[in-house]
Amino acid sequence: MSAFVDHIEWSSERDRGRARLLVRDSAQGIVEGSFPAAWLPEGAREGTWVKLQIQLIDPPPGEDPTDLRRSLGEGDPGGDIRL
């Protein structure tokens, strides 16, 4: 999957910046995502294209997905979202 590097915003530390990537999706049009700029390959800058690749893997050693999902939901009271 190809993504367009639309914007890179650096903070005072290089590894703390954010990159906004745009991906064309046939169902949703253009989809935007924000990622740590440090994840970009060397040479990537605004206006360049990068290849995104996502693979299914086994959990890292010592990581229990059940515990992780439980901890993420601990502060969620359930029910409708209040705006």
PDB file of N, CA and C in Angstrom:
ATOM      1  N   MET A   1       0.856  -1.156   0.000  1.00  0.00           N
ATOM      2  CA  MET A   1       0.000   0.000   0.000  1.00  0.00           C
ATOM      3  C   MET A   1       0.908   1.228   0.000  1.00  0.00           C
ATOM      4  N   SER A   2       0.600   2.188  -0.834  1.00  0.00           N
ATOM      5  CA  SER A   2       1.392   3.410  -0.931  1.00  0.00           C
ATOM      6  C   SER A   2       0.758   4.522  -0.114  1.00  0.00           C
ATOM      7  N   ALA A   3       1.591   5.343   0.499  1.00  0.00           N
ATOM      8  CA  ALA A   3       1.112   6.487   1.281  1.00  0.00           C
ATOM      9  C   ALA A   3       1.920   7.717   0.908  1.00  0.00           C
ATOM     10  N   PHE A   4       1.248   8.849   0.857  1.00  0.00           N
ATOM     11  CA  PHE A   4       1.862  10.129   0.547  1.00  0.00           C
ATOM     12  C   PHE A   4       2.224  10.828   1.851  1.00  0.00           C
ATOM     13  N   VAL A   5       3.472  11.273   1.973  1.00  0.00           N
ATOM     14  CA  VAL A   5       3.904  12.000   3.170  1.00  0.00           C
ATOM     15  C   VAL A   5       3.453  13.453   2.994  1.00  0.00           C
ATOM     16  N   ASP A   6       2.349  13.787   3.636  1.00  0.00           N
ATOM     17  CA  ASP A   6       1.739  15.108   3.472  1.00  0.00           C
ATOM     18  C   ASP A   6       2.417  16.161   4.332  1.00  0.00           C
ATOM     19  N   HIS A   7       2.748  15.810   5.556  1.00  0.00           N
ATOM     20  CA  HIS A   7       3.291  16.807   6.476  1.00  0.00           C
ATOM     21  C   HIS A   7       4.151  16.115   7.530  1.00  0.00           C
ATOM     22  N   ILE A   8       5.242  16.762   7.904  1.00  0.00           N
ATOM     23  CA  ILE A   8       6.074  16.300   9.018  1.00  0.00           C
ATOM     24  C   ILE A   8       6.251  17.479   9.956  1.00  0.00           C
ATOM     25  N   GLU A   9       5.899  17.276  11.205  1.00  0.00           N
ATOM     26  CA  GLU A   9       6.058  18.317  12.213  1.00  0.00           C
ATOM     27  C   GLU A   9       7.041  17.810  13.263  1.00  0.00           C
ATOM     28  N   TRP A  10       8.165  18.476  13.358  1.00  0.00           N
ATOM     29  CA  TRP A  10       9.193  18.072  14.325  1.00  0.00           C
ATOM     30  C   TRP A  10       9.037  18.852  15.607  1.00  0.00           C
ATOM     31  N   SER A  11       9.246  18.185  16.705  1.00  0.00           N
ATOM     32  CA  SER A  11       9.301  18.885  17.983  1.00  0.00           C
ATOM     33  C   SER A  11      10.761  19.225  18.247  1.00  0.00           C
ATOM     34  N   SER A  12      11.081  19.627  19.447  1.00  0.00           N
ATOM     35  CA  SER A  12      12.465  19.997  19.759  1.00  0.00           C
ATOM     36  C   SER A  12      13.412  18.806  19.656  1.00  0.00           C
ATOM     37  N   GLU A  13      12.884  17.603  19.785  1.00  0.00           N
ATOM     38  CA  GLU A  13      13.699  16.391  19.644  1.00  0.00           C
ATOM     39  C   GLU A  13      13.258  15.662  18.385  1.00  0.00           C
ATOM     40  N   ARG A  14      14.210  15.255  17.550  1.00  0.00           N
ATOM     41  CA  ARG A  14      13.893  14.622  16.266  1.00  0.00           C
ATOM     42  C   ARG A  14      12.956  13.431  16.418  1.00  0.00           C
ATOM     43  N   ASP A  15      13.164  12.614  17.429  1.00  0.00           N
ATOM     44  CA  ASP A  15      12.357  11.400  17.558  1.00  0.00           C
ATOM     45  C   ASP A  15      10.978  11.668  18.149  1.00  0.00           C
ATOM     46  N   ARG A  16      10.629  12.929  18.392  1.00  0.00           N
ATOM     47  CA  ARG A  16       9.332  13.241  18.971  1.00  0.00           C
ATOM     48  C   ARG A  16       8.362  13.863  17.969  1.00  0.00           C
ATOM     49  N   GLY A  17       8.746  13.975  16.710  1.00  0.00           N
ATOM     50  CA  GLY A  17       7.893  14.598  15.698  1.00  0.00           C
ATOM     51  C   GLY A  17       6.777  13.681  15.229  1.00  0.00           C
ATOM     52  N   ARG A  18       5.830  14.258  14.468  1.00  0.00           N
ATOM     53  CA  ARG A  18       4.714  13.507  13.915  1.00  0.00           C
ATOM     54  C   ARG A  18       4.701  13.659  12.399  1.00  0.00           C
ATOM     55  N   ALA A  19       4.293  12.606  11.719  1.00  0.00           N
ATOM     56  CA  ALA A  19       4.159  12.616  10.264  1.00  0.00           C
ATOM     57  C   ALA A  19       2.706  12.310   9.915  1.00  0.00           C
ATOM     58  N   ARG A  20       2.141  13.091   8.990  1.00  0.00           N
ATOM     59  CA  ARG A  20       0.782  12.833   8.512  1.00  0.00           C
ATOM     60  C   ARG A  20       0.888  12.174   7.143  1.00  0.00           C
ATOM     61  N   LEU A  21       0.339  10.969   7.040  1.00  0.00           N
ATOM     62  CA  LEU A  21       0.353  10.213   5.788  1.00  0.00           C
ATOM     63  C   LEU A  21      -1.066  10.140   5.232  1.00  0.00           C
ATOM     64  N   LEU A  22      -1.170  10.195   3.904  1.00  0.00           N
ATOM     65  CA  LEU A  22      -2.456  10.082   3.230  1.00  0.00           C
ATOM     66  C   LEU A  22      -2.459   8.830   2.365  1.00  0.00           C
ATOM     67  N   VAL A  23      -3.538   8.056   2.459  1.00  0.00           N
ATOM     68  CA  VAL A  23      -3.686   6.821   1.691  1.00  0.00           C
ATOM     69  C   VAL A  23      -5.013   6.887   0.951  1.00  0.00           C
ATOM     70  N   ARG A  24      -4.999   6.550  -0.327  1.00  0.00           N
ATOM     71  CA  ARG A  24      -6.253   6.520  -1.099  1.00  0.00           C
ATOM     72  C   ARG A  24      -6.915   5.159  -0.880  1.00  0.00           C
ATOM     73  N   ASP A  25      -8.157   5.200  -0.403  1.00  0.00           N
ATOM     74  CA  ASP A  25      -8.927   3.995  -0.127  1.00  0.00           C
ATOM     75  C   ASP A  25     -10.137   3.985  -1.055  1.00  0.00           C
ATOM     76  N   SER A  26     -10.372   2.873  -1.731  1.00  0.00           N
ATOM     77  CA  SER A  26     -11.465   2.823  -2.715  1.00  0.00           C
ATOM     78  C   SER A  26     -12.838   3.034  -2.076  1.00  0.00           C
ATOM     79  N   ALA A  27     -13.010   2.658  -0.819  1.00  0.00           N
ATOM     80  CA  ALA A  27     -14.310   2.805  -0.164  1.00  0.00           C
ATOM     81  C   ALA A  27     -14.463   4.145   0.554  1.00  0.00           C
ATOM     82  N   GLN A  28     -13.373   4.687   1.086  1.00  0.00           N
ATOM     83  CA  GLN A  28     -13.472   5.878   1.927  1.00  0.00           C
ATOM     84  C   GLN A  28     -12.820   7.118   1.315  1.00  0.00           C
ATOM     85  N   GLY A  29     -12.279   7.024   0.135  1.00  0.00           N
ATOM     86  CA  GLY A  29     -11.572   8.161  -0.452  1.00  0.00           C
ATOM     87  C   GLY A  29     -10.174   8.259   0.127  1.00  0.00           C
ATOM     88  N   ILE A  30      -9.764   9.454   0.502  1.00  0.00           N
ATOM     89  CA  ILE A  30      -8.434   9.656   1.080  1.00  0.00           C
ATOM     90  C   ILE A  30      -8.531   9.547   2.594  1.00  0.00           C
ATOM     91  N   VAL A  31      -7.709   8.674   3.168  1.00  0.00           N
ATOM     92  CA  VAL A  31      -7.685   8.436   4.606  1.00  0.00           C
ATOM     93  C   VAL A  31      -6.379   8.992   5.149  1.00  0.00           C
ATOM     94  N   GLU A  32      -6.468   9.678   6.274  1.00  0.00           N
ATOM     95  CA  GLU A  32      -5.305  10.307   6.902  1.00  0.00           C
ATOM     96  C   GLU A  32      -4.898   9.535   8.142  1.00  0.00           C
ATOM     97  N   GLY A  33      -3.595   9.415   8.366  1.00  0.00           N
ATOM     98  CA  GLY A  33      -3.081   8.791   9.578  1.00  0.00           C
ATOM     99  C   GLY A  33      -1.888   9.570  10.088  1.00  0.00           C
ATOM    100  N   SER A  34      -1.712   9.600  11.390  1.00  0.00           N
ATOM    101  CA  SER A  34      -0.595  10.297  12.011  1.00  0.00           C
ATOM    102  C   SER A  34       0.279   9.273  12.734  1.00  0.00           C
ATOM    103  N   PHE A  35       1.583   9.381  12.519  1.00  0.00           N
ATOM    104  CA  PHE A  35       2.534   8.414  13.067  1.00  0.00           C
ATOM    105  C   PHE A  35       3.756   9.141  13.602  1.00  0.00           C
ATOM    106  N   PRO A  36       4.529   8.504  14.473  1.00  0.00           N
ATOM    107  CA  PRO A  36       5.805   9.106  14.867  1.00  0.00           C
ATOM    108  C   PRO A  36       6.685   9.290  13.633  1.00  0.00           C
ATOM    109  N   ALA A  37       7.238  10.478  13.470  1.00  0.00           N
ATOM    110  CA  ALA A  37       8.083  10.757  12.306  1.00  0.00           C
ATOM    111  C   ALA A  37       9.319   9.866  12.288  1.00  0.00           C
ATOM    112  N   ALA A  38       9.758   9.412  13.439  1.00  0.00           N
ATOM    113  CA  ALA A  38      10.924   8.533  13.511  1.00  0.00           C
ATOM    114  C   ALA A  38      10.683   7.199  12.802  1.00  0.00           C
ATOM    115  N   TRP A  39       9.409   6.857  12.549  1.00  0.00           N
ATOM    116  CA  TRP A  39       9.102   5.610  11.849  1.00  0.00           C
ATOM    117  C   TRP A  39       9.340   5.720  10.350  1.00  0.00           C
ATOM    118  N   LEU A  40       9.475   6.925   9.832  1.00  0.00           N
ATOM    119  CA  LEU A  40       9.685   7.091   8.392  1.00  0.00           C
ATOM    120  C   LEU A  40      11.079   6.615   8.004  1.00  0.00           C
ATOM    121  N   PRO A  41      11.212   6.073   6.800  1.00  0.00           N
ATOM    122  CA  PRO A  41      12.538   5.643   6.355  1.00  0.00           C
ATOM    123  C   PRO A  41      13.435   6.855   6.082  1.00  0.00           C
ATOM    124  N   GLU A  42      14.728   6.628   6.133  1.00  0.00           N
ATOM    125  CA  GLU A  42      15.691   7.689   5.852  1.00  0.00           C
ATOM    126  C   GLU A  42      15.411   8.285   4.469  1.00  0.00           C
ATOM    127  N   GLY A  43      15.440   9.579   4.374  1.00  0.00           N
ATOM    128  CA  GLY A  43      15.208  10.264   3.105  1.00  0.00           C
ATOM    129  C   GLY A  43      13.763  10.672   2.876  1.00  0.00           C
ATOM    130  N   ALA A  44      12.843  10.154   3.666  1.00  0.00           N
ATOM    131  CA  ALA A  44      11.429  10.543   3.507  1.00  0.00           C
ATOM    132  C   ALA A  44      11.260  11.986   3.951  1.00  0.00           C
ATOM    133  N   ARG A  45      10.485  12.731   3.197  1.00  0.00           N
ATOM    134  CA  ARG A  45      10.197  14.123   3.524  1.00  0.00           C
ATOM    135  C   ARG A  45       8.821  14.459   2.955  1.00  0.00           C
ATOM    136  N   GLU A  46       8.323  15.635   3.279  1.00  0.00           N
ATOM    137  CA  GLU A  46       7.022  16.052   2.758  1.00  0.00           C
ATOM    138  C   GLU A  46       7.039  15.995   1.234  1.00  0.00           C
ATOM    139  N   GLY A  47       5.977  15.423   0.674  1.00  0.00           N
ATOM    140  CA  GLY A  47       5.861  15.308  -0.771  1.00  0.00           C
ATOM    141  C   GLY A  47       6.395  14.014  -1.353  1.00  0.00           C
ATOM    142  N   THR A  48       6.954  13.139  -0.511  1.00  0.00           N
ATOM    143  CA  THR A  48       7.442  11.854  -1.010  1.00  0.00           C
ATOM    144  C   THR A  48       6.409  10.765  -0.724  1.00  0.00           C
ATOM    145  N   TRP A  49       6.609   9.613  -1.324  1.00  0.00           N
ATOM    146  CA  TRP A  49       5.735   8.456  -1.133  1.00  0.00           C
ATOM    147  C   TRP A  49       6.486   7.381  -0.377  1.00  0.00           C
ATOM    148  N   VAL A  50       5.779   6.648   0.462  1.00  0.00           N
ATOM    149  CA  VAL A  50       6.352   5.524   1.187  1.00  0.00           C
ATOM    150  C   VAL A  50       5.443   4.311   1.013  1.00  0.00           C
ATOM    151  N   LYS A  51       5.999   3.143   1.203  1.00  0.00           N
ATOM    152  CA  LYS A  51       5.228   1.899   1.131  1.00  0.00           C
ATOM    153  C   LYS A  51       4.884   1.464   2.552  1.00  0.00           C
ATOM    154  N   LEU A  52       3.603   1.217   2.801  1.00  0.00           N
ATOM    155  CA  LEU A  52       3.152   0.709   4.092  1.00  0.00           C
ATOM    156  C   LEU A  52       2.921  -0.788   3.972  1.00  0.00           C
ATOM    157  N   GLN A  53       3.361  -1.513   4.972  1.00  0.00           N
ATOM    158  CA  GLN A  53       3.164  -2.957   4.969  1.00  0.00           C
ATOM    159  C   GLN A  53       2.819  -3.397   6.382  1.00  0.00           C
ATOM    160  N   ILE A  54       1.730  -4.119   6.517  1.00  0.00           N
ATOM    161  CA  ILE A  54       1.293  -4.625   7.818  1.00  0.00           C
ATOM    162  C   ILE A  54       1.206  -6.138   7.728  1.00  0.00           C
ATOM    163  N   GLN A  55       1.808  -6.795   8.697  1.00  0.00           N
ATOM    164  CA  GLN A  55       1.799  -8.261   8.707  1.00  0.00           C
ATOM    165  C   GLN A  55       1.270  -8.757  10.046  1.00  0.00           C
ATOM    166  N   LEU A  56       0.555  -9.843  10.011  1.00  0.00           N
ATOM    167  CA  LEU A  56       0.092 -10.502  11.222  1.00  0.00           C
ATOM    168  C   LEU A  56       1.258 -11.276  11.819  1.00  0.00           C
ATOM    169  N   ILE A  57       1.500 -11.078  13.120  1.00  0.00           N
ATOM    170  CA  ILE A  57       2.597 -11.773  13.791  1.00  0.00           C
ATOM    171  C   ILE A  57       2.100 -12.358  15.108  1.00  0.00           C
ATOM    172  N   ASP A  58       2.881 -13.255  15.676  1.00  0.00           N
ATOM    173  CA  ASP A  58       2.590 -13.761  17.012  1.00  0.00           C
ATOM    174  C   ASP A  58       2.932 -12.667  18.026  1.00  0.00           C
ATOM    175  N   PRO A  59       2.299 -12.676  19.197  1.00  0.00           N
ATOM    176  CA  PRO A  59       2.625 -11.674  20.210  1.00  0.00           C
ATOM    177  C   PRO A  59       4.104 -11.767  20.609  1.00  0.00           C
ATOM    178  N   PRO A  60       4.707 -10.629  20.919  1.00  0.00           N
ATOM    179  CA  PRO A  60       6.093 -10.666  21.404  1.00  0.00           C
ATOM    180  C   PRO A  60       6.164 -11.470  22.695  1.00  0.00           C
ATOM    181  N   PRO A  61       7.308 -12.052  23.010  1.00  0.00           N
ATOM    182  CA  PRO A  61       7.450 -12.819  24.248  1.00  0.00           C
ATOM    183  C   PRO A  61       7.058 -11.979  25.465  1.00  0.00           C
ATOM    184  N   GLY A  62       6.243 -12.552  26.324  1.00  0.00           N
ATOM    185  CA  GLY A  62       5.825 -11.874  27.540  1.00  0.00           C
ATOM    186  C   GLY A  62       4.610 -10.974  27.377  1.00  0.00           C
ATOM    187  N   GLU A  63       4.109 -10.805  26.166  1.00  0.00           N
ATOM    188  CA  GLU A  63       2.924  -9.968  25.935  1.00  0.00           C
ATOM    189  C   GLU A  63       1.694 -10.863  25.835  1.00  0.00           C
ATOM    190  N   ASP A  64       0.709 -10.578  26.657  1.00  0.00           N
ATOM    191  CA  ASP A  64      -0.544 -11.323  26.631  1.00  0.00           C
ATOM    192  C   ASP A  64      -1.631 -10.416  26.068  1.00  0.00           C
ATOM    193  N   PRO A  65      -2.134 -10.709  24.853  1.00  0.00           N
ATOM    194  CA  PRO A  65      -3.135  -9.819  24.262  1.00  0.00           C
ATOM    195  C   PRO A  65      -4.407  -9.703  25.097  1.00  0.00           C
ATOM    196  N   THR A  66      -4.764 -10.742  25.834  1.00  0.00           N
ATOM    197  CA  THR A  66      -5.963 -10.690  26.670  1.00  0.00           C
ATOM    198  C   THR A  66      -5.785  -9.657  27.776  1.00  0.00           C
ATOM    199  N   ASP A  67      -4.619  -9.665  28.441  1.00  0.00           N
ATOM    200  CA  ASP A  67      -4.343  -8.678  29.493  1.00  0.00           C
ATOM    201  C   ASP A  67      -4.288  -7.267  28.928  1.00  0.00           C
ATOM    202  N   LEU A  68      -3.688  -7.107  27.763  1.00  0.00           N
ATOM    203  CA  LEU A  68      -3.588  -5.789  27.140  1.00  0.00           C
ATOM    204  C   LEU A  68      -4.976  -5.231  26.832  1.00  0.00           C
ATOM    205  N   ARG A  69      -5.830  -6.035  26.227  1.00  0.00           N
ATOM    206  CA  ARG A  69      -7.180  -5.571  25.893  1.00  0.00           C
ATOM    207  C   ARG A  69      -7.971  -5.247  27.163  1.00  0.00           C
ATOM    208  N   ARG A  70      -7.788  -6.043  28.200  1.00  0.00           N
ATOM    209  CA  ARG A  70      -8.488  -5.796  29.464  1.00  0.00           C
ATOM    210  C   ARG A  70      -8.030  -4.457  30.056  1.00  0.00           C
ATOM    211  N   SER A  71      -6.734  -4.198  30.053  1.00  0.00           N
ATOM    212  CA  SER A  71      -6.228  -2.947  30.626  1.00  0.00           C
ATOM    213  C   SER A  71      -6.692  -1.731  29.821  1.00  0.00           C
ATOM    214  N   LEU A  72      -6.835  -1.870  28.520  1.00  0.00           N
ATOM    215  CA  LEU A  72      -7.303  -0.759  27.695  1.00  0.00           C
ATOM    216  C   LEU A  72      -8.768  -0.419  27.982  1.00  0.00           C
ATOM    217  N   GLY A  73      -9.543  -1.402  28.388  1.00  0.00           N
ATOM    218  CA  GLY A  73     -10.958  -1.175  28.638  1.00  0.00           C
ATOM    219  C   GLY A  73     -11.301  -0.867  30.080  1.00  0.00           C
ATOM    220  N   GLU A  74     -10.313  -0.838  30.989  1.00  0.00           N
ATOM    221  CA  GLU A  74     -10.603  -0.630  32.407  1.00  0.00           C
ATOM    222  C   GLU A  74     -11.285   0.709  32.697  1.00  0.00           C
ATOM    223  N   GLY A  75     -10.937   1.749  31.977  1.00  0.00           N
ATOM    224  CA  GLY A  75     -11.532   3.050  32.240  1.00  0.00           C
ATOM    225  C   GLY A  75     -12.805   3.317  31.450  1.00  0.00           C
ATOM    226  N   ASP A  76     -13.280   2.329  30.706  1.00  0.00           N
ATOM    227  CA  ASP A  76     -14.463   2.509  29.873  1.00  0.00           C
ATOM    228  C   ASP A  76     -15.705   2.041  30.636  1.00  0.00           C
ATOM    229  N   PRO A  77     -16.592   2.967  30.981  1.00  0.00           N
ATOM    230  CA  PRO A  77     -17.781   2.564  31.723  1.00  0.00           C
ATOM    231  C   PRO A  77     -18.837   1.891  30.861  1.00  0.00           C
ATOM    232  N   GLY A  78     -18.633   1.855  29.551  1.00  0.00           N
ATOM    233  CA  GLY A  78     -19.625   1.291  28.650  1.00  0.00           C
ATOM    234  C   GLY A  78     -20.718   2.297  28.361  1.00  0.00           C
ATOM    235  N   GLY A  79     -21.680   1.898  27.597  1.00  0.00           N
ATOM    236  CA  GLY A  79     -22.786   2.788  27.282  1.00  0.00           C
ATOM    237  C   GLY A  79     -22.463   3.763  26.162  1.00  0.00           C
ATOM    238  N   ASP A  80     -23.375   4.719  25.976  1.00  0.00           N
ATOM    239  CA  ASP A  80     -23.229   5.706  24.907  1.00  0.00           C
ATOM    240  C   ASP A  80     -22.132   6.709  25.222  1.00  0.00           C
ATOM    241  N   ILE A  81     -21.566   7.265  24.196  1.00  0.00           N
ATOM    242  CA  ILE A  81     -20.556   8.309  24.335  1.00  0.00           C
ATOM    243  C   ILE A  81     -21.278   9.627  24.573  1.00  0.00           C
ATOM    244  N   ARG A  82     -20.819  10.391  25.542  1.00  0.00           N
ATOM    245  CA  ARG A  82     -21.408  11.695  25.813  1.00  0.00           C
ATOM    246  C   ARG A  82     -20.512  12.768  25.226  1.00  0.00           C
ATOM    247  N   LEU A  83     -21.109  13.639  24.441  1.00  0.00           N
ATOM    248  CA  LEU A  83     -20.349  14.733  23.834  1.00  0.00           C
ATOM    249  C   LEU A  83     -20.631  16.041  24.519  1.00  0.00           C
TER     250      LEU A  83
END
